[in-house]
Amino acid sequence: MKLYGFPPTRSARVLWTLRELDVEFEFVNVDPGKGDLQRLEFLAVNPAGKLPALVDGDFIVTESVAICLYLAEKYAEKGLLPSALRARAEVYRWLLFTATELEQPLWRMTRHALLYPPEKRLAAEIPIARQDFLEMAMVMEKHMDGRQFLVGDEVTVADFVAAYTLDMASVRKGGSLLEDLPRLRGYMERMYARPKAPPRIAEAFASLRR
């Protein structure tokens, strides 16, 4: 099994899942800053030119949430995806909520602050996206009242995806977006305290500069 990724990116979600599953794999570093995403060898793996991508024998899976679910289902005996229908639906719910309601506004902020060419950046989009994130993060903040994990009493793949996304929110240039969300801060910190957690985003970027 090969994971094509870059440490600070959403590849961390898959890396985290693989580590928690205790599965052997090869990590193939694909550095966006060096043009690796557009190399023919990588485009043969993922024509979209995006990370991460998992190659399992002759099967290729892309999109980090899909990869995490694939791994959790492949190694169902490890318990990262509940067997009960309703609990599994709750995992799906929080995976999709994280990707659409939390990550999407964070990426809007990043694109208009850093990634788009200067002439395409819309400064007015940043506070709107920020508010969109905070409103939906408050939904998760309330949900975490009295909870250790998003679903049930055991960790699931939804927690790895959510914790990484909350870390994205904590490393904003203007300051963490989690300042007024103590439950989410505590939850994220507990998740990253797990022995098999990947490096935090800031730590991963720092290691690249050494």
N, C-alpha and C. Protein backbone atom coordinates (compact mmCIF):
# COMPACT_ATOMS: atom_id res chain seq x y z
N MET A 1 0.84 -1.18 0.00
CA MET A 1 0.00 0.00 0.00
C MET A 1 0.89 1.24 0.00
N LYS A 2 0.55 2.22 -0.85
CA LYS A 2 1.32 3.46 -0.94
C LYS A 2 0.40 4.65 -0.68
N LEU A 3 0.88 5.58 0.13
CA LEU A 3 0.16 6.84 0.34
C LEU A 3 0.98 7.96 -0.28
N TYR A 4 0.41 8.61 -1.28
CA TYR A 4 1.04 9.78 -1.89
C TYR A 4 0.54 11.00 -1.13
N GLY A 5 1.48 11.74 -0.55
CA GLY A 5 1.04 12.86 0.27
C GLY A 5 2.14 13.86 0.54
N PHE A 6 1.81 14.85 1.33
CA PHE A 6 2.74 15.90 1.75
C PHE A 6 2.34 16.23 3.19
N PRO A 7 3.26 16.14 4.14
CA PRO A 7 2.91 16.15 5.57
C PRO A 7 1.92 17.21 6.06
N PRO A 8 2.02 18.49 5.64
CA PRO A 8 1.07 19.46 6.22
C PRO A 8 -0.33 19.41 5.64
N THR A 9 -0.53 18.66 4.56
CA THR A 9 -1.81 18.69 3.85
C THR A 9 -2.79 17.67 4.43
N ARG A 10 -3.95 17.55 3.77
CA ARG A 10 -4.97 16.59 4.20
C ARG A 10 -4.48 15.15 4.15
N SER A 11 -3.30 14.95 3.60
CA SER A 11 -2.68 13.63 3.68
C SER A 11 -2.55 13.18 5.13
N ALA A 12 -2.45 14.16 6.04
CA ALA A 12 -2.29 13.84 7.46
C ALA A 12 -3.46 13.02 7.98
N ARG A 13 -4.66 13.26 7.46
CA ARG A 13 -5.84 12.49 7.89
C ARG A 13 -5.66 11.01 7.58
N VAL A 14 -5.17 10.73 6.37
CA VAL A 14 -4.98 9.34 5.96
C VAL A 14 -3.81 8.73 6.71
N LEU A 15 -2.73 9.49 6.84
CA LEU A 15 -1.58 9.02 7.60
C LEU A 15 -2.00 8.63 9.01
N TRP A 16 -2.83 9.47 9.62
CA TRP A 16 -3.33 9.21 10.97
C TRP A 16 -4.12 7.91 11.01
N THR A 17 -5.01 7.74 10.03
CA THR A 17 -5.84 6.53 9.98
C THR A 17 -4.97 5.28 9.83
N LEU A 18 -4.00 5.33 8.93
CA LEU A 18 -3.11 4.19 8.72
C LEU A 18 -2.34 3.85 9.99
N ARG A 19 -1.88 4.87 10.68
CA ARG A 19 -1.13 4.63 11.92
C ARG A 19 -2.01 4.00 12.99
N GLU A 20 -3.22 4.52 13.13
CA GLU A 20 -4.12 3.98 14.15
C GLU A 20 -4.52 2.54 13.82
N LEU A 21 -4.58 2.22 12.53
CA LEU A 21 -4.90 0.86 12.11
C LEU A 21 -3.70 -0.07 12.23
N ASP A 22 -2.51 0.53 12.40
CA ASP A 22 -1.27 -0.25 12.48
C ASP A 22 -1.05 -1.05 11.20
N VAL A 23 -1.23 -0.37 10.07
CA VAL A 23 -1.10 -0.99 8.74
C VAL A 23 0.24 -0.58 8.14
N GLU A 24 0.92 -1.52 7.52
CA GLU A 24 2.17 -1.20 6.83
C GLU A 24 1.87 -0.49 5.52
N PHE A 25 2.64 0.56 5.24
CA PHE A 25 2.45 1.31 4.00
C PHE A 25 3.73 2.06 3.67
N GLU A 26 3.83 2.48 2.42
CA GLU A 26 4.95 3.31 1.98
C GLU A 26 4.44 4.73 1.77
N PHE A 27 5.14 5.71 2.32
CA PHE A 27 4.76 7.10 2.13
C PHE A 27 5.58 7.67 0.98
N VAL A 28 4.91 8.17 -0.05
CA VAL A 28 5.57 8.78 -1.20
C VAL A 28 5.37 10.28 -1.10
N ASN A 29 6.43 11.01 -0.84
CA ASN A 29 6.34 12.46 -0.66
C ASN A 29 6.14 13.15 -2.01
N VAL A 30 5.09 13.95 -2.09
CA VAL A 30 4.78 14.71 -3.31
C VAL A 30 4.74 16.17 -2.89
N ASP A 31 5.76 16.93 -3.29
CA ASP A 31 5.91 18.30 -2.83
C ASP A 31 5.26 19.28 -3.82
N PRO A 32 4.14 19.90 -3.44
CA PRO A 32 3.49 20.85 -4.36
C PRO A 32 4.41 22.01 -4.72
N GLY A 33 5.26 22.43 -3.80
CA GLY A 33 6.14 23.56 -4.06
C GLY A 33 7.20 23.29 -5.10
N LYS A 34 7.43 22.02 -5.41
CA LYS A 34 8.43 21.65 -6.41
C LYS A 34 7.79 21.20 -7.72
N GLY A 35 6.49 21.41 -7.84
CA GLY A 35 5.79 21.04 -9.06
C GLY A 35 5.46 19.58 -9.18
N ASP A 36 5.60 18.84 -8.07
CA ASP A 36 5.37 17.39 -8.13
C ASP A 36 3.94 17.01 -8.50
N LEU A 37 2.98 17.87 -8.19
CA LEU A 37 1.58 17.54 -8.47
C LEU A 37 1.29 17.44 -9.97
N GLN A 38 2.11 18.11 -10.78
CA GLN A 38 1.88 18.12 -12.22
C GLN A 38 2.81 17.18 -12.98
N ARG A 39 3.60 16.43 -12.25
CA ARG A 39 4.47 15.45 -12.90
C ARG A 39 3.62 14.30 -13.46
N LEU A 40 4.02 13.79 -14.62
CA LEU A 40 3.23 12.75 -15.28
C LEU A 40 3.07 11.52 -14.40
N GLU A 41 4.12 11.19 -13.61
CA GLU A 41 4.04 10.01 -12.75
C GLU A 41 2.91 10.15 -11.73
N PHE A 42 2.77 11.38 -11.17
CA PHE A 42 1.71 11.56 -10.18
C PHE A 42 0.35 11.69 -10.85
N LEU A 43 0.27 12.37 -11.97
CA LEU A 43 -1.01 12.52 -12.67
C LEU A 43 -1.56 11.17 -13.12
N ALA A 44 -0.68 10.19 -13.30
CA ALA A 44 -1.14 8.84 -13.63
C ALA A 44 -1.86 8.21 -12.44
N VAL A 45 -1.51 8.67 -11.24
CA VAL A 45 -2.16 8.17 -10.02
C VAL A 45 -3.44 8.96 -9.76
N ASN A 46 -3.36 10.28 -9.83
CA ASN A 46 -4.53 11.12 -9.63
C ASN A 46 -4.57 12.21 -10.69
N PRO A 47 -5.36 12.03 -11.74
CA PRO A 47 -5.43 13.02 -12.83
C PRO A 47 -5.84 14.41 -12.35
N ALA A 48 -6.49 14.50 -11.18
CA ALA A 48 -6.87 15.81 -10.66
C ALA A 48 -5.67 16.59 -10.15
N GLY A 49 -4.55 15.92 -9.97
CA GLY A 49 -3.34 16.60 -9.51
C GLY A 49 -3.45 17.10 -8.09
N LYS A 50 -4.13 16.33 -7.23
CA LYS A 50 -4.31 16.76 -5.84
C LYS A 50 -3.96 15.62 -4.89
N LEU A 51 -3.63 16.02 -3.67
CA LEU A 51 -3.29 15.07 -2.61
C LEU A 51 -4.44 14.95 -1.63
N PRO A 52 -4.52 13.79 -0.95
CA PRO A 52 -3.67 12.59 -1.06
C PRO A 52 -4.23 11.61 -2.07
N ALA A 53 -3.47 10.53 -2.29
CA ALA A 53 -3.93 9.42 -3.10
C ALA A 53 -3.39 8.14 -2.47
N LEU A 54 -4.22 7.13 -2.43
CA LEU A 54 -3.81 5.84 -1.88
C LEU A 54 -3.84 4.79 -2.98
N VAL A 55 -2.75 4.05 -3.08
CA VAL A 55 -2.69 2.93 -4.03
C VAL A 55 -2.62 1.65 -3.23
N ASP A 56 -3.64 0.83 -3.39
CA ASP A 56 -3.73 -0.45 -2.69
C ASP A 56 -3.78 -1.55 -3.74
N GLY A 57 -2.60 -2.08 -4.07
CA GLY A 57 -2.52 -3.05 -5.15
C GLY A 57 -2.86 -2.40 -6.48
N ASP A 58 -3.91 -2.88 -7.14
CA ASP A 58 -4.31 -2.29 -8.42
C ASP A 58 -5.46 -1.31 -8.27
N PHE A 59 -5.74 -0.91 -7.02
CA PHE A 59 -6.87 -0.03 -6.74
C PHE A 59 -6.36 1.32 -6.25
N ILE A 60 -6.89 2.40 -6.81
CA ILE A 60 -6.49 3.76 -6.41
C ILE A 60 -7.69 4.48 -5.83
N VAL A 61 -7.49 5.10 -4.68
CA VAL A 61 -8.53 5.90 -4.04
C VAL A 61 -7.99 7.30 -3.83
N THR A 62 -8.77 8.31 -4.18
CA THR A 62 -8.40 9.70 -3.92
C THR A 62 -9.47 10.34 -3.05
N GLU A 63 -9.21 11.55 -2.61
CA GLU A 63 -10.06 12.31 -1.68
C GLU A 63 -9.87 11.74 -0.26
N SER A 64 -9.38 12.58 0.63
CA SER A 64 -8.96 12.11 1.95
C SER A 64 -10.08 11.44 2.74
N VAL A 65 -11.29 11.99 2.70
CA VAL A 65 -12.38 11.39 3.46
C VAL A 65 -12.72 10.02 2.89
N ALA A 66 -12.75 9.89 1.57
CA ALA A 66 -13.04 8.61 0.94
C ALA A 66 -11.97 7.58 1.29
N ILE A 67 -10.71 8.02 1.32
CA ILE A 67 -9.62 7.09 1.66
C ILE A 67 -9.76 6.61 3.10
N CYS A 68 -10.04 7.53 4.00
CA CYS A 68 -10.20 7.15 5.41
C CYS A 68 -11.34 6.15 5.58
N LEU A 69 -12.44 6.37 4.90
CA LEU A 69 -13.56 5.44 4.98
C LEU A 69 -13.20 4.09 4.37
N TYR A 70 -12.51 4.11 3.26
CA TYR A 70 -12.09 2.86 2.62
C TYR A 70 -11.23 2.03 3.58
N LEU A 71 -10.27 2.69 4.22
CA LEU A 71 -9.38 1.97 5.14
C LEU A 71 -10.14 1.45 6.36
N ALA A 72 -11.06 2.28 6.88
CA ALA A 72 -11.82 1.85 8.05
C ALA A 72 -12.69 0.64 7.72
N GLU A 73 -13.24 0.62 6.50
CA GLU A 73 -14.06 -0.52 6.10
C GLU A 73 -13.21 -1.74 5.76
N LYS A 74 -12.06 -1.52 5.17
CA LYS A 74 -11.19 -2.65 4.82
C LYS A 74 -10.71 -3.37 6.08
N TYR A 75 -10.42 -2.58 7.11
CA TYR A 75 -9.95 -3.16 8.37
C TYR A 75 -11.03 -2.96 9.44
N ALA A 76 -12.21 -3.44 9.12
CA ALA A 76 -13.38 -3.22 9.99
C ALA A 76 -13.17 -3.77 11.40
N GLU A 77 -12.34 -4.81 11.51
CA GLU A 77 -12.12 -5.42 12.82
C GLU A 77 -11.39 -4.49 13.78
N LYS A 78 -10.79 -3.43 13.25
CA LYS A 78 -10.08 -2.47 14.11
C LYS A 78 -11.03 -1.48 14.78
N GLY A 79 -12.27 -1.41 14.33
CA GLY A 79 -13.29 -0.62 15.03
C GLY A 79 -13.31 0.87 14.77
N LEU A 80 -12.69 1.34 13.70
CA LEU A 80 -12.71 2.79 13.42
C LEU A 80 -13.99 3.24 12.72
N LEU A 81 -14.84 2.29 12.36
CA LEU A 81 -16.15 2.60 11.79
C LEU A 81 -17.16 1.68 12.47
N PRO A 82 -18.15 2.24 13.15
CA PRO A 82 -19.10 1.40 13.89
C PRO A 82 -19.83 0.42 12.99
N SER A 83 -20.19 -0.72 13.55
CA SER A 83 -20.95 -1.71 12.78
C SER A 83 -22.45 -1.41 12.81
N ALA A 84 -22.92 -0.74 13.85
CA ALA A 84 -24.35 -0.42 13.95
C ALA A 84 -24.72 0.65 12.93
N LEU A 85 -25.83 0.46 12.25
CA LEU A 85 -26.23 1.35 11.15
C LEU A 85 -26.32 2.81 11.58
N ARG A 86 -27.00 3.08 12.69
CA ARG A 86 -27.21 4.47 13.09
C ARG A 86 -25.92 5.14 13.52
N ALA A 87 -25.07 4.41 14.23
CA ALA A 87 -23.78 4.98 14.64
C ALA A 87 -22.92 5.26 13.41
N ARG A 88 -22.97 4.34 12.43
CA ARG A 88 -22.20 4.55 11.20
C ARG A 88 -22.73 5.77 10.46
N ALA A 89 -24.04 5.95 10.45
CA ALA A 89 -24.62 7.14 9.81
C ALA A 89 -24.14 8.41 10.49
N GLU A 90 -23.98 8.36 11.81
CA GLU A 90 -23.46 9.53 12.53
C GLU A 90 -22.02 9.83 12.13
N VAL A 91 -21.22 8.79 11.91
CA VAL A 91 -19.86 9.00 11.43
C VAL A 91 -19.89 9.67 10.06
N TYR A 92 -20.73 9.17 9.17
CA TYR A 92 -20.86 9.80 7.84
C TYR A 92 -21.29 11.26 7.98
N ARG A 93 -22.24 11.48 8.89
CA ARG A 93 -22.73 12.85 9.09
C ARG A 93 -21.60 13.80 9.45
N TRP A 94 -20.77 13.41 10.43
CA TRP A 94 -19.73 14.32 10.89
C TRP A 94 -18.57 14.43 9.90
N LEU A 95 -18.33 13.39 9.14
CA LEU A 95 -17.33 13.49 8.08
C LEU A 95 -17.77 14.52 7.04
N LEU A 96 -19.02 14.43 6.61
CA LEU A 96 -19.52 15.36 5.60
C LEU A 96 -19.67 16.77 6.16
N PHE A 97 -20.11 16.87 7.41
CA PHE A 97 -20.23 18.17 8.05
C PHE A 97 -18.86 18.86 8.10
N THR A 98 -17.85 18.10 8.49
CA THR A 98 -16.51 18.67 8.57
C THR A 98 -16.01 19.14 7.22
N ALA A 99 -16.21 18.31 6.19
CA ALA A 99 -15.70 18.65 4.86
C ALA A 99 -16.45 19.81 4.22
N THR A 100 -17.76 19.89 4.44
CA THR A 100 -18.55 20.91 3.76
C THR A 100 -18.74 22.18 4.58
N GLU A 101 -18.99 22.04 5.87
CA GLU A 101 -19.34 23.20 6.69
C GLU A 101 -18.14 23.83 7.40
N LEU A 102 -17.09 23.07 7.62
CA LEU A 102 -15.92 23.61 8.31
C LEU A 102 -14.74 23.83 7.36
N GLU A 103 -14.40 22.81 6.62
CA GLU A 103 -13.22 22.93 5.75
C GLU A 103 -13.45 23.90 4.60
N GLN A 104 -14.64 23.86 4.03
CA GLN A 104 -14.90 24.70 2.85
C GLN A 104 -14.69 26.20 3.13
N PRO A 105 -15.23 26.76 4.22
CA PRO A 105 -14.93 28.18 4.48
C PRO A 105 -13.47 28.44 4.83
N LEU A 106 -12.81 27.48 5.45
CA LEU A 106 -11.39 27.65 5.74
C LEU A 106 -10.59 27.77 4.45
N TRP A 107 -10.95 26.94 3.46
CA TRP A 107 -10.26 27.01 2.18
C TRP A 107 -10.59 28.30 1.44
N ARG A 108 -11.82 28.77 1.57
CA ARG A 108 -12.15 30.07 0.95
C ARG A 108 -11.26 31.17 1.52
N MET A 109 -11.07 31.16 2.81
CA MET A 109 -10.21 32.16 3.44
C MET A 109 -8.78 32.04 2.92
N THR A 110 -8.27 30.82 2.85
CA THR A 110 -6.89 30.60 2.42
C THR A 110 -6.69 31.00 0.97
N ARG A 111 -7.65 30.64 0.13
CA ARG A 111 -7.52 30.98 -1.29
C ARG A 111 -7.48 32.50 -1.51
N HIS A 112 -8.38 33.20 -0.84
CA HIS A 112 -8.44 34.65 -1.07
C HIS A 112 -7.36 35.41 -0.31
N ALA A 113 -6.74 34.79 0.66
CA ALA A 113 -5.65 35.45 1.38
C ALA A 113 -4.29 35.12 0.80
N LEU A 114 -4.13 33.90 0.25
CA LEU A 114 -2.79 33.45 -0.13
C LEU A 114 -2.68 32.78 -1.50
N LEU A 115 -3.64 31.93 -1.83
CA LEU A 115 -3.43 31.02 -2.96
C LEU A 115 -3.77 31.61 -4.32
N TYR A 116 -4.85 32.37 -4.41
CA TYR A 116 -5.21 32.95 -5.70
C TYR A 116 -4.18 34.02 -6.09
N PRO A 117 -3.98 34.24 -7.39
CA PRO A 117 -3.17 35.38 -7.81
C PRO A 117 -3.77 36.66 -7.23
N PRO A 118 -2.94 37.62 -6.89
CA PRO A 118 -3.44 38.85 -6.24
C PRO A 118 -4.64 39.48 -6.93
N GLU A 119 -4.67 39.46 -8.26
CA GLU A 119 -5.78 40.10 -8.98
C GLU A 119 -7.11 39.35 -8.84
N LYS A 120 -7.06 38.09 -8.37
CA LYS A 120 -8.28 37.31 -8.19
C LYS A 120 -8.75 37.23 -6.74
N ARG A 121 -7.96 37.78 -5.83
CA ARG A 121 -8.33 37.71 -4.42
C ARG A 121 -9.41 38.73 -4.08
N LEU A 122 -10.40 38.30 -3.33
CA LEU A 122 -11.48 39.18 -2.90
C LEU A 122 -11.42 39.29 -1.38
N ALA A 123 -10.93 40.41 -0.91
CA ALA A 123 -10.75 40.60 0.54
C ALA A 123 -12.07 40.45 1.29
N ALA A 124 -13.17 40.85 0.68
CA ALA A 124 -14.47 40.79 1.35
C ALA A 124 -14.91 39.35 1.62
N GLU A 125 -14.36 38.39 0.88
CA GLU A 125 -14.73 36.99 1.08
C GLU A 125 -14.22 36.44 2.42
N ILE A 126 -13.12 37.00 2.90
CA ILE A 126 -12.47 36.43 4.09
C ILE A 126 -13.34 36.55 5.34
N PRO A 127 -13.84 37.74 5.70
CA PRO A 127 -14.70 37.80 6.89
C PRO A 127 -16.01 37.02 6.75
N ILE A 128 -16.53 36.93 5.51
CA ILE A 128 -17.75 36.16 5.30
C ILE A 128 -17.48 34.68 5.56
N ALA A 129 -16.39 34.18 5.00
CA ALA A 129 -16.03 32.77 5.20
C ALA A 129 -15.72 32.50 6.67
N ARG A 130 -15.08 33.47 7.31
CA ARG A 130 -14.76 33.31 8.74
C ARG A 130 -16.03 33.14 9.56
N GLN A 131 -17.02 33.96 9.28
CA GLN A 131 -18.29 33.87 10.01
C GLN A 131 -19.01 32.56 9.70
N ASP A 132 -18.94 32.14 8.43
CA ASP A 132 -19.55 30.86 8.06
C ASP A 132 -18.92 29.73 8.87
N PHE A 133 -17.60 29.75 8.99
CA PHE A 133 -16.92 28.72 9.78
C PHE A 133 -17.35 28.76 11.24
N LEU A 134 -17.33 29.94 11.83
CA LEU A 134 -17.62 30.06 13.26
C LEU A 134 -19.05 29.60 13.59
N GLU A 135 -19.99 29.92 12.72
CA GLU A 135 -21.38 29.51 12.98
C GLU A 135 -21.51 27.99 12.99
N MET A 136 -20.84 27.33 12.05
CA MET A 136 -20.93 25.87 11.98
C MET A 136 -20.04 25.20 13.04
N ALA A 137 -18.93 25.83 13.37
CA ALA A 137 -18.08 25.28 14.43
C ALA A 137 -18.82 25.30 15.76
N MET A 138 -19.68 26.28 15.96
CA MET A 138 -20.46 26.33 17.20
C MET A 138 -21.42 25.14 17.30
N VAL A 139 -21.89 24.65 16.17
CA VAL A 139 -22.73 23.45 16.17
C VAL A 139 -21.94 22.26 16.72
N MET A 140 -20.72 22.11 16.26
CA MET A 140 -19.88 21.02 16.76
C MET A 140 -19.46 21.27 18.21
N GLU A 141 -19.22 22.52 18.55
CA GLU A 141 -18.88 22.87 19.94
C GLU A 141 -19.99 22.41 20.90
N LYS A 142 -21.23 22.66 20.56
CA LYS A 142 -22.34 22.24 21.41
C LYS A 142 -22.46 20.72 21.43
N HIS A 143 -22.23 20.10 20.29
CA HIS A 143 -22.32 18.65 20.21
C HIS A 143 -21.30 17.98 21.14
N MET A 144 -20.15 18.61 21.32
CA MET A 144 -19.08 18.00 22.11
C MET A 144 -19.25 18.17 23.61
N ASP A 145 -20.33 18.77 24.03
CA ASP A 145 -20.60 18.91 25.47
C ASP A 145 -20.71 17.53 26.12
N GLY A 146 -19.78 17.22 27.01
CA GLY A 146 -19.79 15.94 27.70
C GLY A 146 -19.29 14.77 26.88
N ARG A 147 -18.72 15.03 25.71
CA ARG A 147 -18.25 13.96 24.84
C ARG A 147 -16.73 13.95 24.72
N GLN A 148 -16.17 12.77 24.57
CA GLN A 148 -14.75 12.63 24.26
C GLN A 148 -14.53 12.53 22.75
N PHE A 149 -15.48 11.91 22.06
CA PHE A 149 -15.37 11.68 20.63
C PHE A 149 -16.67 12.14 19.94
N LEU A 150 -16.61 12.30 18.64
CA LEU A 150 -17.78 12.78 17.90
C LEU A 150 -18.94 11.81 17.95
N VAL A 151 -18.62 10.50 17.88
CA VAL A 151 -19.67 9.48 17.83
C VAL A 151 -19.38 8.39 18.86
N GLY A 152 -20.29 8.19 19.78
CA GLY A 152 -20.13 7.11 20.75
C GLY A 152 -18.99 7.33 21.72
N ASP A 153 -18.48 6.22 22.25
CA ASP A 153 -17.45 6.27 23.28
C ASP A 153 -16.08 5.84 22.79
N GLU A 154 -15.95 5.60 21.49
CA GLU A 154 -14.67 5.17 20.93
C GLU A 154 -14.31 6.06 19.74
N VAL A 155 -13.01 6.16 19.49
CA VAL A 155 -12.54 6.96 18.37
C VAL A 155 -13.00 6.35 17.05
N THR A 156 -13.29 7.20 16.07
CA THR A 156 -13.63 6.77 14.72
C THR A 156 -12.87 7.63 13.72
N VAL A 157 -12.96 7.26 12.44
CA VAL A 157 -12.28 8.05 11.41
C VAL A 157 -12.80 9.49 11.39
N ALA A 158 -14.02 9.72 11.82
CA ALA A 158 -14.56 11.08 11.85
C ALA A 158 -13.71 11.98 12.75
N ASP A 159 -13.15 11.42 13.81
CA ASP A 159 -12.34 12.21 14.74
C ASP A 159 -11.02 12.64 14.10
N PHE A 160 -10.42 11.78 13.30
CA PHE A 160 -9.15 12.14 12.67
C PHE A 160 -9.36 13.27 11.66
N VAL A 161 -10.43 13.17 10.89
CA VAL A 161 -10.74 14.21 9.90
C VAL A 161 -11.08 15.53 10.60
N ALA A 162 -11.89 15.45 11.65
CA ALA A 162 -12.29 16.67 12.36
C ALA A 162 -11.12 17.33 13.06
N ALA A 163 -10.29 16.53 13.73
CA ALA A 163 -9.16 17.11 14.48
C ALA A 163 -8.20 17.83 13.55
N TYR A 164 -7.91 17.24 12.40
CA TYR A 164 -7.02 17.91 11.44
C TYR A 164 -7.64 19.22 10.95
N THR A 165 -8.93 19.20 10.67
CA THR A 165 -9.61 20.40 10.18
C THR A 165 -9.62 21.49 11.24
N LEU A 166 -9.82 21.12 12.48
CA LEU A 166 -9.76 22.11 13.57
C LEU A 166 -8.35 22.66 13.72
N ASP A 167 -7.36 21.83 13.46
CA ASP A 167 -5.98 22.34 13.48
C ASP A 167 -5.78 23.36 12.37
N MET A 168 -6.40 23.13 11.20
CA MET A 168 -6.37 24.13 10.13
C MET A 168 -6.90 25.47 10.64
N ALA A 169 -7.96 25.40 11.42
CA ALA A 169 -8.57 26.63 11.95
C ALA A 169 -7.72 27.29 13.01
N SER A 170 -6.82 26.53 13.61
CA SER A 170 -6.00 27.08 14.71
C SER A 170 -4.74 27.77 14.23
N VAL A 171 -4.40 27.63 12.95
CA VAL A 171 -3.14 28.20 12.45
C VAL A 171 -3.38 29.33 11.46
N ARG A 172 -4.47 30.05 11.63
CA ARG A 172 -4.76 31.17 10.75
C ARG A 172 -3.80 32.33 11.01
N LYS A 173 -3.48 33.07 9.98
CA LYS A 173 -2.56 34.19 10.10
C LYS A 173 -3.04 35.23 11.10
N GLY A 174 -4.34 35.48 11.13
CA GLY A 174 -4.88 36.48 12.05
C GLY A 174 -5.15 35.95 13.45
N GLY A 175 -4.77 34.70 13.71
CA GLY A 175 -5.01 34.10 15.01
C GLY A 175 -5.97 32.94 14.92
N SER A 176 -5.93 32.07 15.90
CA SER A 176 -6.77 30.88 15.91
C SER A 176 -8.25 31.24 15.89
N LEU A 177 -9.01 30.46 15.12
CA LEU A 177 -10.46 30.64 15.09
C LEU A 177 -11.15 29.86 16.21
N LEU A 178 -10.36 29.19 17.04
CA LEU A 178 -10.93 28.36 18.10
C LEU A 178 -10.88 29.03 19.47
N GLU A 179 -10.53 30.29 19.51
CA GLU A 179 -10.35 30.98 20.80
C GLU A 179 -11.60 30.92 21.67
N ASP A 180 -12.76 31.06 21.07
CA ASP A 180 -14.01 31.06 21.84
C ASP A 180 -14.74 29.72 21.76
N LEU A 181 -14.00 28.69 21.45
CA LEU A 181 -14.57 27.35 21.31
C LEU A 181 -13.77 26.37 22.18
N PRO A 182 -13.90 26.47 23.50
CA PRO A 182 -13.05 25.68 24.40
C PRO A 182 -13.22 24.17 24.26
N ARG A 183 -14.43 23.70 23.98
CA ARG A 183 -14.62 22.25 23.85
C ARG A 183 -13.89 21.74 22.61
N LEU A 184 -13.96 22.48 21.52
CA LEU A 184 -13.28 22.04 20.31
C LEU A 184 -11.77 22.12 20.48
N ARG A 185 -11.29 23.14 21.18
CA ARG A 185 -9.85 23.22 21.44
C ARG A 185 -9.39 22.01 22.25
N GLY A 186 -10.12 21.71 23.31
CA GLY A 186 -9.76 20.59 24.16
C GLY A 186 -9.83 19.27 23.41
N TYR A 187 -10.87 19.12 22.60
CA TYR A 187 -11.04 17.90 21.80
C TYR A 187 -9.87 17.73 20.83
N MET A 188 -9.52 18.79 20.12
CA MET A 188 -8.41 18.73 19.17
C MET A 188 -7.11 18.37 19.89
N GLU A 189 -6.87 19.00 21.02
CA GLU A 189 -5.62 18.73 21.76
C GLU A 189 -5.58 17.29 22.27
N ARG A 190 -6.72 16.77 22.72
CA ARG A 190 -6.75 15.37 23.16
C ARG A 190 -6.46 14.43 21.99
N MET A 191 -7.02 14.75 20.85
CA MET A 191 -6.78 13.89 19.69
C MET A 191 -5.31 13.89 19.29
N TYR A 192 -4.70 15.05 19.27
CA TYR A 192 -3.28 15.12 18.89
C TYR A 192 -2.35 14.60 19.98
N ALA A 193 -2.86 14.38 21.16
CA ALA A 193 -2.07 13.76 22.22
C ALA A 193 -2.02 12.24 22.08
N ARG A 194 -2.82 11.69 21.18
CA ARG A 194 -2.81 10.24 20.95
C ARG A 194 -1.43 9.83 20.43
N PRO A 195 -0.91 8.68 20.87
CA PRO A 195 0.45 8.27 20.50
C PRO A 195 0.71 8.18 19.00
N LYS A 196 -0.33 7.86 18.21
CA LYS A 196 -0.11 7.67 16.78
C LYS A 196 -0.59 8.85 15.94
N ALA A 197 -0.85 9.97 16.58
CA ALA A 197 -1.26 11.16 15.84
C ALA A 197 -0.11 11.68 14.99
N PRO A 198 -0.40 12.25 13.84
CA PRO A 198 0.65 12.86 13.01
C PRO A 198 1.08 14.19 13.62
N PRO A 199 2.15 14.80 13.11
CA PRO A 199 2.53 16.13 13.60
C PRO A 199 1.42 17.14 13.33
N ARG A 200 1.32 18.13 14.20
CA ARG A 200 0.40 19.24 13.94
C ARG A 200 0.84 19.97 12.67
N ILE A 201 -0.06 20.71 12.07
CA ILE A 201 0.23 21.38 10.80
C ILE A 201 1.43 22.32 10.93
N ALA A 202 1.46 23.14 11.98
CA ALA A 202 2.57 24.08 12.16
C ALA A 202 3.89 23.34 12.32
N GLU A 203 3.85 22.24 13.05
CA GLU A 203 5.06 21.43 13.25
C GLU A 203 5.54 20.82 11.93
N ALA A 204 4.59 20.36 11.12
CA ALA A 204 4.95 19.76 9.84
C ALA A 204 5.58 20.80 8.92
N PHE A 205 5.03 22.00 8.89
CA PHE A 205 5.63 23.06 8.07
C PHE A 205 7.02 23.44 8.60
N ALA A 206 7.15 23.51 9.92
CA ALA A 206 8.43 23.88 10.52
C ALA A 206 9.51 22.85 10.17
N SER A 207 9.13 21.58 10.16
CA SER A 207 10.12 20.54 9.86
C SER A 207 10.61 20.64 8.43
N LEU A 208 9.79 21.18 7.52
CA LEU A 208 10.20 21.32 6.13
C LEU A 208 11.24 22.43 5.96
N ARG A 209 11.25 23.37 6.91
CA ARG A 209 12.18 24.50 6.81
C ARG A 209 13.53 24.21 7.46
N ARG A 210 13.65 23.08 8.13
CA ARG A 210 14.91 22.77 8.80
C ARG A 210 15.96 22.32 7.81
